[in-house]
Amino acid sequence: MSAEDPNAGEDADAEEEEDIRYFVRIGQTDLDGTKSVERALTELNGIGHRAARIIAQKADVDRRAVFGKLDDDVIERVVERVENFADDVPEWMANHQKDYFTGETTHETGNDLQLTRRQDINRMKMIDSYRGVRHKRGQKVRGQRTKSTGRTEGTIGVNVEAIKEEQAEEAAAEEGGEE
């Protein structure tokens, strides 16, 4: 900073903030451009921390760089890596393995993930598979305990207050009936 222009540093910061893209669109989702690449990618459904780190590494981008300050070609590389994520990782890491109709393994993101899951659950319900029946009944599907957890019907234990109220009402009725 020079003595003649005390606001020179502030102008440089303002110019840097003007160059930032506040929203970066991937698929049908707007990602926050003010966050780091890794953190912004985790806002996308189907992409977690580990997947975001792998995408940044494969796209040859610093995962701690601000997403909105990246050049358009770098952002395009990231978008391409997100779309082709299933090709870059082992099969067990993809979120939609062995599709029912095609047998392919894909990694769904955004609204496609929700749509695919809903279709899979509806198909299981229609064919009355074990998992489909559990989904229909609203019970646990993946073999968890059901004896003591997942209860949805009101209170389970003894409600002492209700019993005392009933006894008080009965006693009042008996006293009123004796007169």
N, C-alpha and C. Protein backbone atom coordinates (compact mmCIF):
# COMPACT_ATOMS: atom_id res chain seq x y z
N MET A 1 0.84 -1.17 0.00
CA MET A 1 0.00 0.00 0.00
C MET A 1 0.88 1.23 0.00
N SER A 2 0.49 2.16 -0.80
CA SER A 2 1.26 3.41 -0.85
C SER A 2 0.57 4.46 0.01
N ALA A 3 1.30 5.50 0.32
CA ALA A 3 0.76 6.56 1.17
C ALA A 3 -0.21 7.42 0.39
N GLU A 4 -0.06 7.49 -0.97
CA GLU A 4 -0.95 8.33 -1.76
C GLU A 4 -2.36 7.76 -1.88
N ASP A 5 -2.47 6.43 -1.99
CA ASP A 5 -3.78 5.81 -2.22
C ASP A 5 -4.07 4.79 -1.11
N PRO A 6 -4.74 5.22 -0.03
CA PRO A 6 -4.98 4.29 1.07
C PRO A 6 -6.03 3.22 0.74
N ASN A 7 -6.84 3.40 -0.30
CA ASN A 7 -7.89 2.45 -0.64
C ASN A 7 -7.48 1.48 -1.76
N ALA A 8 -6.22 1.41 -2.10
CA ALA A 8 -5.77 0.56 -3.21
C ALA A 8 -6.03 -0.91 -2.91
N GLY A 9 -5.81 -1.35 -1.70
CA GLY A 9 -6.04 -2.75 -1.33
C GLY A 9 -7.51 -3.10 -1.38
N GLU A 10 -8.39 -2.19 -1.00
CA GLU A 10 -9.83 -2.46 -1.02
C GLU A 10 -10.35 -2.59 -2.45
N ASP A 11 -9.80 -1.81 -3.39
CA ASP A 11 -10.22 -1.91 -4.78
C ASP A 11 -9.86 -3.27 -5.37
N ALA A 12 -8.70 -3.78 -5.01
CA ALA A 12 -8.28 -5.09 -5.51
C ALA A 12 -9.23 -6.18 -4.99
N ASP A 13 -9.62 -6.09 -3.73
CA ASP A 13 -10.56 -7.07 -3.17
C ASP A 13 -11.91 -6.99 -3.86
N ALA A 14 -12.37 -5.77 -4.15
CA ALA A 14 -13.66 -5.59 -4.80
C ALA A 14 -13.64 -6.16 -6.22
N GLU A 15 -12.52 -5.98 -6.92
CA GLU A 15 -12.42 -6.54 -8.28
C GLU A 15 -12.44 -8.06 -8.24
N GLU A 16 -11.78 -8.67 -7.25
CA GLU A 16 -11.79 -10.12 -7.14
C GLU A 16 -13.20 -10.63 -6.88
N GLU A 17 -13.96 -9.93 -6.04
CA GLU A 17 -15.32 -10.36 -5.74
C GLU A 17 -16.24 -10.19 -6.95
N GLU A 18 -15.96 -9.21 -7.82
CA GLU A 18 -16.78 -9.03 -9.01
C GLU A 18 -16.56 -10.14 -10.02
N ASP A 19 -15.38 -10.76 -10.03
CA ASP A 19 -15.06 -11.82 -10.99
C ASP A 19 -15.68 -13.16 -10.61
N ILE A 20 -16.29 -13.26 -9.46
CA ILE A 20 -16.80 -14.54 -8.99
C ILE A 20 -18.20 -14.79 -9.54
N ARG A 21 -18.47 -16.04 -9.90
CA ARG A 21 -19.80 -16.46 -10.29
C ARG A 21 -20.48 -17.01 -9.04
N TYR A 22 -21.56 -16.39 -8.62
CA TYR A 22 -22.18 -16.77 -7.37
C TYR A 22 -22.97 -18.07 -7.48
N PHE A 23 -23.43 -18.40 -8.67
CA PHE A 23 -24.13 -19.65 -8.89
C PHE A 23 -23.50 -20.38 -10.06
N VAL A 24 -23.19 -21.66 -9.85
CA VAL A 24 -22.66 -22.52 -10.90
C VAL A 24 -23.69 -23.62 -11.10
N ARG A 25 -24.19 -23.76 -12.32
CA ARG A 25 -25.26 -24.71 -12.60
C ARG A 25 -24.70 -26.02 -13.11
N ILE A 26 -25.04 -27.11 -12.42
CA ILE A 26 -24.70 -28.46 -12.87
C ILE A 26 -26.01 -29.24 -12.90
N GLY A 27 -26.38 -29.71 -14.09
CA GLY A 27 -27.66 -30.40 -14.23
C GLY A 27 -28.78 -29.41 -13.99
N GLN A 28 -29.69 -29.76 -13.08
CA GLN A 28 -30.78 -28.85 -12.74
C GLN A 28 -30.55 -28.19 -11.38
N THR A 29 -29.30 -28.20 -10.90
CA THR A 29 -29.01 -27.70 -9.56
C THR A 29 -28.06 -26.52 -9.64
N ASP A 30 -28.37 -25.46 -8.88
CA ASP A 30 -27.48 -24.32 -8.76
C ASP A 30 -26.59 -24.54 -7.54
N LEU A 31 -25.28 -24.53 -7.76
CA LEU A 31 -24.33 -24.71 -6.67
C LEU A 31 -23.79 -23.35 -6.25
N ASP A 32 -23.41 -23.22 -4.99
CA ASP A 32 -22.90 -21.97 -4.43
C ASP A 32 -21.48 -21.74 -4.93
N GLY A 33 -21.27 -20.66 -5.67
CA GLY A 33 -19.96 -20.35 -6.23
C GLY A 33 -18.99 -19.75 -5.24
N THR A 34 -19.47 -19.36 -4.05
CA THR A 34 -18.58 -18.76 -3.06
C THR A 34 -17.89 -19.81 -2.20
N LYS A 35 -18.29 -21.07 -2.32
CA LYS A 35 -17.70 -22.15 -1.52
C LYS A 35 -16.57 -22.81 -2.30
N SER A 36 -15.80 -23.66 -1.61
CA SER A 36 -14.74 -24.41 -2.28
C SER A 36 -15.36 -25.44 -3.21
N VAL A 37 -14.57 -25.95 -4.13
CA VAL A 37 -15.07 -26.91 -5.12
C VAL A 37 -15.65 -28.13 -4.41
N GLU A 38 -14.91 -28.66 -3.44
CA GLU A 38 -15.36 -29.87 -2.75
C GLU A 38 -16.66 -29.62 -1.99
N ARG A 39 -16.75 -28.53 -1.27
CA ARG A 39 -17.95 -28.25 -0.48
C ARG A 39 -19.14 -27.93 -1.37
N ALA A 40 -18.93 -27.23 -2.47
CA ALA A 40 -20.03 -26.89 -3.37
C ALA A 40 -20.60 -28.16 -4.03
N LEU A 41 -19.72 -29.09 -4.41
CA LEU A 41 -20.19 -30.31 -5.06
C LEU A 41 -21.03 -31.17 -4.12
N THR A 42 -20.78 -31.10 -2.81
CA THR A 42 -21.55 -31.92 -1.89
C THR A 42 -23.00 -31.46 -1.79
N GLU A 43 -23.32 -30.25 -2.26
CA GLU A 43 -24.70 -29.79 -2.26
C GLU A 43 -25.53 -30.52 -3.32
N LEU A 44 -24.88 -31.15 -4.26
CA LEU A 44 -25.56 -31.88 -5.33
C LEU A 44 -25.99 -33.24 -4.80
N ASN A 45 -27.26 -33.59 -4.94
CA ASN A 45 -27.74 -34.90 -4.47
C ASN A 45 -26.98 -36.01 -5.20
N GLY A 46 -26.49 -36.97 -4.43
CA GLY A 46 -25.74 -38.09 -5.01
C GLY A 46 -24.25 -37.91 -4.95
N ILE A 47 -23.78 -36.75 -4.51
CA ILE A 47 -22.35 -36.48 -4.40
C ILE A 47 -22.04 -36.18 -2.94
N GLY A 48 -21.21 -37.00 -2.33
CA GLY A 48 -20.79 -36.79 -0.95
C GLY A 48 -19.39 -36.22 -0.91
N HIS A 49 -18.81 -36.19 0.28
CA HIS A 49 -17.46 -35.62 0.44
C HIS A 49 -16.42 -36.43 -0.33
N ARG A 50 -16.50 -37.74 -0.23
CA ARG A 50 -15.51 -38.58 -0.90
C ARG A 50 -15.62 -38.46 -2.42
N ALA A 51 -16.84 -38.49 -2.92
CA ALA A 51 -17.05 -38.36 -4.36
C ALA A 51 -16.60 -36.99 -4.85
N ALA A 52 -16.87 -35.94 -4.07
CA ALA A 52 -16.46 -34.59 -4.47
C ALA A 52 -14.94 -34.48 -4.54
N ARG A 53 -14.28 -35.12 -3.60
CA ARG A 53 -12.81 -35.09 -3.61
C ARG A 53 -12.26 -35.82 -4.83
N ILE A 54 -12.86 -36.95 -5.17
CA ILE A 54 -12.41 -37.72 -6.34
C ILE A 54 -12.68 -36.93 -7.61
N ILE A 55 -13.82 -36.28 -7.71
CA ILE A 55 -14.15 -35.49 -8.90
C ILE A 55 -13.16 -34.35 -9.08
N ALA A 56 -12.83 -33.66 -8.01
CA ALA A 56 -11.87 -32.56 -8.09
C ALA A 56 -10.50 -33.07 -8.50
N GLN A 57 -10.11 -34.22 -7.99
CA GLN A 57 -8.81 -34.79 -8.34
C GLN A 57 -8.78 -35.22 -9.81
N LYS A 58 -9.84 -35.87 -10.30
CA LYS A 58 -9.88 -36.32 -11.69
C LYS A 58 -9.97 -35.14 -12.66
N ALA A 59 -10.62 -34.05 -12.24
CA ALA A 59 -10.74 -32.87 -13.10
C ALA A 59 -9.48 -32.01 -13.02
N ASP A 60 -8.53 -32.40 -12.19
CA ASP A 60 -7.26 -31.69 -12.02
C ASP A 60 -7.50 -30.26 -11.53
N VAL A 61 -8.31 -30.16 -10.45
CA VAL A 61 -8.67 -28.87 -9.85
C VAL A 61 -8.32 -28.95 -8.37
N ASP A 62 -7.83 -27.85 -7.82
CA ASP A 62 -7.59 -27.80 -6.39
C ASP A 62 -8.94 -27.82 -5.68
N ARG A 63 -9.15 -28.79 -4.79
CA ARG A 63 -10.45 -28.96 -4.15
C ARG A 63 -10.77 -27.82 -3.20
N ARG A 64 -9.77 -27.03 -2.81
CA ARG A 64 -10.00 -25.90 -1.90
C ARG A 64 -10.17 -24.58 -2.63
N ALA A 65 -10.09 -24.60 -3.96
CA ALA A 65 -10.27 -23.38 -4.75
C ALA A 65 -11.74 -22.96 -4.71
N VAL A 66 -11.98 -21.66 -4.79
CA VAL A 66 -13.35 -21.15 -4.80
C VAL A 66 -13.97 -21.50 -6.15
N PHE A 67 -15.14 -22.16 -6.08
CA PHE A 67 -15.76 -22.70 -7.28
C PHE A 67 -16.14 -21.61 -8.28
N GLY A 68 -16.63 -20.48 -7.82
CA GLY A 68 -17.08 -19.42 -8.71
C GLY A 68 -15.95 -18.67 -9.39
N LYS A 69 -14.72 -18.78 -8.89
CA LYS A 69 -13.58 -18.07 -9.48
C LYS A 69 -12.89 -18.89 -10.58
N LEU A 70 -13.30 -20.14 -10.76
CA LEU A 70 -12.68 -20.98 -11.78
C LEU A 70 -13.09 -20.52 -13.17
N ASP A 71 -12.24 -20.79 -14.15
CA ASP A 71 -12.55 -20.47 -15.54
C ASP A 71 -13.66 -21.39 -16.05
N ASP A 72 -14.29 -20.97 -17.15
CA ASP A 72 -15.39 -21.75 -17.71
C ASP A 72 -14.94 -23.13 -18.16
N ASP A 73 -13.75 -23.23 -18.76
CA ASP A 73 -13.29 -24.55 -19.23
C ASP A 73 -13.00 -25.48 -18.06
N VAL A 74 -12.53 -24.95 -16.94
CA VAL A 74 -12.28 -25.78 -15.76
C VAL A 74 -13.61 -26.25 -15.17
N ILE A 75 -14.60 -25.37 -15.15
CA ILE A 75 -15.92 -25.75 -14.65
C ILE A 75 -16.53 -26.82 -15.55
N GLU A 76 -16.32 -26.70 -16.85
CA GLU A 76 -16.81 -27.72 -17.79
C GLU A 76 -16.15 -29.08 -17.51
N ARG A 77 -14.86 -29.07 -17.17
CA ARG A 77 -14.18 -30.33 -16.82
C ARG A 77 -14.81 -30.96 -15.58
N VAL A 78 -15.13 -30.13 -14.60
CA VAL A 78 -15.77 -30.63 -13.38
C VAL A 78 -17.14 -31.21 -13.70
N VAL A 79 -17.92 -30.50 -14.52
CA VAL A 79 -19.25 -30.98 -14.90
C VAL A 79 -19.14 -32.31 -15.64
N GLU A 80 -18.16 -32.43 -16.52
CA GLU A 80 -17.96 -33.68 -17.26
C GLU A 80 -17.60 -34.82 -16.31
N ARG A 81 -16.77 -34.56 -15.32
CA ARG A 81 -16.39 -35.57 -14.33
C ARG A 81 -17.60 -36.00 -13.50
N VAL A 82 -18.48 -35.04 -13.18
CA VAL A 82 -19.69 -35.38 -12.41
C VAL A 82 -20.58 -36.30 -13.24
N GLU A 83 -20.75 -35.97 -14.52
CA GLU A 83 -21.62 -36.76 -15.38
C GLU A 83 -21.05 -38.15 -15.65
N ASN A 84 -19.73 -38.29 -15.70
CA ASN A 84 -19.09 -39.57 -16.00
C ASN A 84 -18.45 -40.18 -14.76
N PHE A 85 -19.02 -39.90 -13.59
CA PHE A 85 -18.43 -40.36 -12.34
C PHE A 85 -18.36 -41.87 -12.26
N ALA A 86 -19.38 -42.57 -12.74
CA ALA A 86 -19.42 -44.04 -12.65
C ALA A 86 -18.30 -44.68 -13.46
N ASP A 87 -17.81 -43.99 -14.50
CA ASP A 87 -16.72 -44.54 -15.31
C ASP A 87 -15.37 -44.40 -14.61
N ASP A 88 -15.26 -43.43 -13.69
CA ASP A 88 -13.98 -43.13 -13.05
C ASP A 88 -13.74 -43.88 -11.76
N VAL A 89 -14.78 -44.48 -11.20
CA VAL A 89 -14.65 -45.12 -9.88
C VAL A 89 -15.00 -46.59 -9.98
N PRO A 90 -14.64 -47.37 -8.95
CA PRO A 90 -15.04 -48.79 -8.95
C PRO A 90 -16.56 -48.92 -8.89
N GLU A 91 -17.05 -50.07 -9.30
CA GLU A 91 -18.49 -50.29 -9.39
C GLU A 91 -19.18 -50.16 -8.03
N TRP A 92 -18.51 -50.56 -6.96
CA TRP A 92 -19.14 -50.52 -5.64
C TRP A 92 -19.38 -49.10 -5.14
N MET A 93 -18.73 -48.12 -5.76
CA MET A 93 -18.87 -46.75 -5.30
C MET A 93 -20.02 -46.01 -6.00
N ALA A 94 -20.54 -46.56 -7.07
CA ALA A 94 -21.66 -45.94 -7.78
C ALA A 94 -22.94 -46.15 -6.98
N ASN A 95 -23.91 -45.25 -7.13
CA ASN A 95 -25.10 -45.33 -6.30
C ASN A 95 -26.27 -46.05 -6.97
N HIS A 96 -26.13 -46.48 -8.21
CA HIS A 96 -27.20 -47.24 -8.86
C HIS A 96 -26.56 -48.39 -9.62
N GLN A 97 -26.36 -49.50 -8.92
CA GLN A 97 -25.65 -50.63 -9.49
C GLN A 97 -26.61 -51.62 -10.11
N LYS A 98 -26.21 -52.18 -11.23
CA LYS A 98 -26.96 -53.24 -11.89
C LYS A 98 -28.44 -52.87 -12.07
N ASP A 99 -28.69 -51.94 -12.96
CA ASP A 99 -30.05 -51.49 -13.24
C ASP A 99 -30.93 -52.69 -13.60
N TYR A 100 -32.18 -52.65 -13.19
CA TYR A 100 -33.09 -53.78 -13.36
C TYR A 100 -33.30 -54.12 -14.83
N PHE A 101 -33.40 -53.12 -15.68
CA PHE A 101 -33.71 -53.36 -17.09
C PHE A 101 -32.47 -53.51 -17.95
N THR A 102 -31.45 -52.69 -17.72
CA THR A 102 -30.27 -52.70 -18.59
C THR A 102 -29.09 -53.45 -18.00
N GLY A 103 -29.03 -53.58 -16.68
CA GLY A 103 -27.90 -54.25 -16.04
C GLY A 103 -26.69 -53.36 -15.89
N GLU A 104 -26.80 -52.10 -16.29
CA GLU A 104 -25.66 -51.18 -16.22
C GLU A 104 -25.52 -50.59 -14.82
N THR A 105 -24.30 -50.15 -14.53
CA THR A 105 -24.04 -49.44 -13.29
C THR A 105 -23.87 -47.97 -13.62
N THR A 106 -24.67 -47.12 -12.97
CA THR A 106 -24.60 -45.68 -13.21
C THR A 106 -24.51 -44.96 -11.87
N HIS A 107 -24.14 -43.70 -11.92
CA HIS A 107 -24.14 -42.87 -10.72
C HIS A 107 -25.09 -41.72 -10.98
N GLU A 108 -26.23 -41.76 -10.34
CA GLU A 108 -27.27 -40.76 -10.54
C GLU A 108 -27.02 -39.55 -9.64
N THR A 109 -27.33 -38.36 -10.14
CA THR A 109 -27.18 -37.14 -9.36
C THR A 109 -28.42 -36.28 -9.53
N GLY A 110 -28.64 -35.41 -8.57
CA GLY A 110 -29.74 -34.44 -8.66
C GLY A 110 -31.10 -35.09 -8.64
N ASN A 111 -32.00 -34.57 -9.45
CA ASN A 111 -33.38 -35.07 -9.50
C ASN A 111 -33.46 -36.47 -10.08
N ASP A 112 -32.49 -36.84 -10.92
CA ASP A 112 -32.48 -38.18 -11.49
C ASP A 112 -32.36 -39.24 -10.41
N LEU A 113 -31.61 -38.94 -9.35
CA LEU A 113 -31.44 -39.88 -8.25
C LEU A 113 -32.77 -40.12 -7.54
N GLN A 114 -33.50 -39.06 -7.24
CA GLN A 114 -34.79 -39.21 -6.57
C GLN A 114 -35.78 -39.96 -7.46
N LEU A 115 -35.82 -39.64 -8.74
CA LEU A 115 -36.72 -40.30 -9.66
C LEU A 115 -36.41 -41.79 -9.78
N THR A 116 -35.14 -42.13 -9.89
CA THR A 116 -34.74 -43.53 -10.02
C THR A 116 -35.09 -44.32 -8.77
N ARG A 117 -34.84 -43.75 -7.59
CA ARG A 117 -35.17 -44.44 -6.34
C ARG A 117 -36.67 -44.67 -6.23
N ARG A 118 -37.46 -43.65 -6.57
CA ARG A 118 -38.92 -43.79 -6.50
C ARG A 118 -39.40 -44.88 -7.45
N GLN A 119 -38.83 -44.94 -8.66
CA GLN A 119 -39.23 -45.97 -9.63
C GLN A 119 -38.86 -47.36 -9.13
N ASP A 120 -37.67 -47.50 -8.53
CA ASP A 120 -37.24 -48.81 -8.02
C ASP A 120 -38.16 -49.28 -6.90
N ILE A 121 -38.50 -48.37 -5.99
CA ILE A 121 -39.38 -48.74 -4.87
C ILE A 121 -40.77 -49.09 -5.38
N ASN A 122 -41.30 -48.33 -6.33
CA ASN A 122 -42.62 -48.64 -6.89
C ASN A 122 -42.62 -49.99 -7.60
N ARG A 123 -41.53 -50.31 -8.31
CA ARG A 123 -41.44 -51.60 -8.99
C ARG A 123 -41.44 -52.74 -7.96
N MET A 124 -40.70 -52.57 -6.86
CA MET A 124 -40.68 -53.60 -5.82
C MET A 124 -42.05 -53.78 -5.19
N LYS A 125 -42.79 -52.68 -5.00
CA LYS A 125 -44.13 -52.76 -4.44
C LYS A 125 -45.07 -53.49 -5.38
N MET A 126 -44.95 -53.21 -6.68
CA MET A 126 -45.85 -53.82 -7.66
C MET A 126 -45.65 -55.32 -7.77
N ILE A 127 -44.42 -55.79 -7.72
CA ILE A 127 -44.16 -57.22 -7.87
C ILE A 127 -44.23 -57.96 -6.54
N ASP A 128 -44.55 -57.22 -5.46
CA ASP A 128 -44.70 -57.80 -4.12
C ASP A 128 -43.47 -58.58 -3.69
N SER A 129 -42.30 -58.01 -3.93
CA SER A 129 -41.09 -58.61 -3.39
C SER A 129 -41.08 -58.36 -1.89
N TYR A 130 -40.20 -59.03 -1.18
CA TYR A 130 -40.13 -58.87 0.28
C TYR A 130 -39.89 -57.41 0.63
N ARG A 131 -38.93 -56.79 -0.04
CA ARG A 131 -38.64 -55.38 0.23
C ARG A 131 -39.82 -54.49 -0.13
N GLY A 132 -40.52 -54.83 -1.21
CA GLY A 132 -41.68 -54.05 -1.61
C GLY A 132 -42.79 -54.11 -0.58
N VAL A 133 -43.02 -55.30 -0.02
CA VAL A 133 -44.05 -55.45 1.01
C VAL A 133 -43.67 -54.64 2.24
N ARG A 134 -42.40 -54.67 2.63
CA ARG A 134 -41.95 -53.89 3.79
C ARG A 134 -42.14 -52.39 3.53
N HIS A 135 -41.85 -51.95 2.30
CA HIS A 135 -42.07 -50.55 1.95
C HIS A 135 -43.55 -50.20 2.05
N LYS A 136 -44.43 -51.09 1.55
CA LYS A 136 -45.87 -50.84 1.59
C LYS A 136 -46.35 -50.66 3.02
N ARG A 137 -45.86 -51.52 3.92
CA ARG A 137 -46.31 -51.49 5.31
C ARG A 137 -45.65 -50.38 6.12
N GLY A 138 -44.63 -49.76 5.56
CA GLY A 138 -43.92 -48.72 6.29
C GLY A 138 -42.99 -49.29 7.34
N GLN A 139 -42.57 -50.54 7.16
CA GLN A 139 -41.65 -51.18 8.11
C GLN A 139 -40.23 -51.04 7.63
N LYS A 140 -39.30 -51.43 8.49
CA LYS A 140 -37.89 -51.34 8.11
C LYS A 140 -37.60 -52.38 7.03
N VAL A 141 -36.72 -51.99 6.10
CA VAL A 141 -36.52 -52.79 4.90
C VAL A 141 -35.21 -53.56 4.94
N ARG A 142 -34.21 -53.07 5.63
CA ARG A 142 -32.87 -53.61 5.49
C ARG A 142 -32.43 -54.51 6.64
N GLY A 143 -33.36 -55.16 7.31
CA GLY A 143 -33.00 -56.14 8.32
C GLY A 143 -32.68 -55.58 9.68
N GLN A 144 -33.10 -54.35 9.97
CA GLN A 144 -32.84 -53.78 11.28
C GLN A 144 -33.77 -54.40 12.32
N ARG A 145 -33.45 -54.14 13.59
CA ARG A 145 -34.32 -54.59 14.69
C ARG A 145 -35.66 -53.89 14.61
N THR A 146 -36.71 -54.62 14.91
CA THR A 146 -38.02 -53.99 14.97
C THR A 146 -38.70 -54.25 16.29
N LYS A 147 -38.10 -55.06 17.16
CA LYS A 147 -38.75 -55.38 18.44
C LYS A 147 -38.84 -54.15 19.33
N SER A 148 -37.75 -53.37 19.36
CA SER A 148 -37.73 -52.26 20.31
C SER A 148 -37.57 -50.89 19.65
N THR A 149 -37.32 -50.83 18.34
CA THR A 149 -37.14 -49.54 17.68
C THR A 149 -38.10 -49.40 16.52
N GLY A 150 -38.28 -48.17 16.07
CA GLY A 150 -39.13 -47.92 14.91
C GLY A 150 -40.60 -48.01 15.21
N ARG A 151 -40.97 -47.86 16.46
CA ARG A 151 -42.39 -47.94 16.81
C ARG A 151 -43.05 -46.61 16.53
N THR A 152 -44.20 -46.69 15.90
CA THR A 152 -44.88 -45.45 15.50
C THR A 152 -46.22 -45.27 16.21
N GLU A 153 -46.66 -46.24 16.97
CA GLU A 153 -47.98 -46.18 17.61
C GLU A 153 -47.89 -45.58 19.00
N GLY A 154 -48.11 -44.31 19.16
CA GLY A 154 -48.24 -43.65 20.46
C GLY A 154 -47.28 -44.08 21.54
N THR A 155 -47.74 -43.98 22.81
CA THR A 155 -46.89 -44.36 23.93
C THR A 155 -46.95 -45.85 24.15
N ILE A 156 -45.85 -46.38 24.67
CA ILE A 156 -45.74 -47.81 24.86
C ILE A 156 -45.94 -48.17 26.34
N GLY A 157 -45.36 -47.39 27.24
CA GLY A 157 -45.38 -47.71 28.66
C GLY A 157 -46.73 -47.40 29.31
N VAL A 158 -46.74 -47.50 30.64
CA VAL A 158 -47.95 -47.23 31.42
C VAL A 158 -48.04 -45.74 31.66
N ASN A 159 -49.19 -45.17 31.39
CA ASN A 159 -49.41 -43.75 31.61
C ASN A 159 -50.06 -43.56 32.98
N VAL A 160 -49.24 -43.28 33.98
CA VAL A 160 -49.68 -43.20 35.37
C VAL A 160 -50.68 -42.05 35.55
N GLU A 161 -50.45 -40.94 34.89
CA GLU A 161 -51.32 -39.78 35.05
C GLU A 161 -52.74 -40.09 34.57
N ALA A 162 -52.86 -40.78 33.46
CA ALA A 162 -54.19 -41.13 32.94
C ALA A 162 -54.91 -42.07 33.90
N ILE A 163 -54.18 -43.01 34.51
CA ILE A 163 -54.79 -43.95 35.45
C ILE A 163 -55.29 -43.20 36.68
N LYS A 164 -54.48 -42.26 37.18
CA LYS A 164 -54.89 -41.48 38.35
C LYS A 164 -56.13 -40.64 38.04
N GLU A 165 -56.20 -40.07 36.85
CA GLU A 165 -57.36 -39.28 36.46
C GLU A 165 -58.61 -40.15 36.40
N GLU A 166 -58.48 -41.36 35.83
CA GLU A 166 -59.61 -42.27 35.76
C GLU A 166 -60.10 -42.66 37.15
N GLN A 167 -59.14 -42.95 38.05
CA GLN A 167 -59.51 -43.31 39.42
C GLN A 167 -60.22 -42.16 40.12
N ALA A 168 -59.74 -40.93 39.89
CA ALA A 168 -60.36 -39.75 40.51
C ALA A 168 -61.78 -39.56 39.98
N GLU A 169 -61.98 -39.78 38.68
CA GLU A 169 -63.31 -39.66 38.10
C GLU A 169 -64.25 -40.73 38.65
N GLU A 170 -63.73 -41.97 38.80
CA GLU A 170 -64.56 -43.05 39.35
C GLU A 170 -64.94 -42.75 40.80
N ALA A 171 -63.97 -42.24 41.57
CA ALA A 171 -64.26 -41.91 42.98
C ALA A 171 -65.28 -40.79 43.06
N ALA A 172 -65.18 -39.80 42.18
CA ALA A 172 -66.15 -38.72 42.18
C ALA A 172 -67.54 -39.21 41.78
N ALA A 173 -67.59 -40.14 40.86
CA ALA A 173 -68.87 -40.71 40.42
C ALA A 173 -69.51 -41.52 41.54
N GLU A 174 -68.70 -42.27 42.29
CA GLU A 174 -69.22 -43.07 43.39
C GLU A 174 -69.76 -42.17 44.50
N GLU A 175 -69.03 -41.08 44.80
CA GLU A 175 -69.49 -40.17 45.84
C GLU A 175 -70.79 -39.49 45.42
N GLY A 176 -70.89 -39.13 44.18
CA GLY A 176 -72.10 -38.50 43.68
C GLY A 176 -73.26 -39.48 43.64
N GLY A 177 -72.98 -40.76 43.44
CA GLY A 177 -74.02 -41.77 43.36
C GLY A 177 -74.55 -42.19 44.72
N GLU A 178 -73.77 -42.03 45.78
CA GLU A 178 -74.19 -42.43 47.12
C GLU A 178 -75.22 -41.47 47.72
N GLU A 179 -75.20 -40.24 47.36
CA GLU A 179 -76.10 -39.25 47.95
C GLU A 179 -77.46 -39.37 47.47
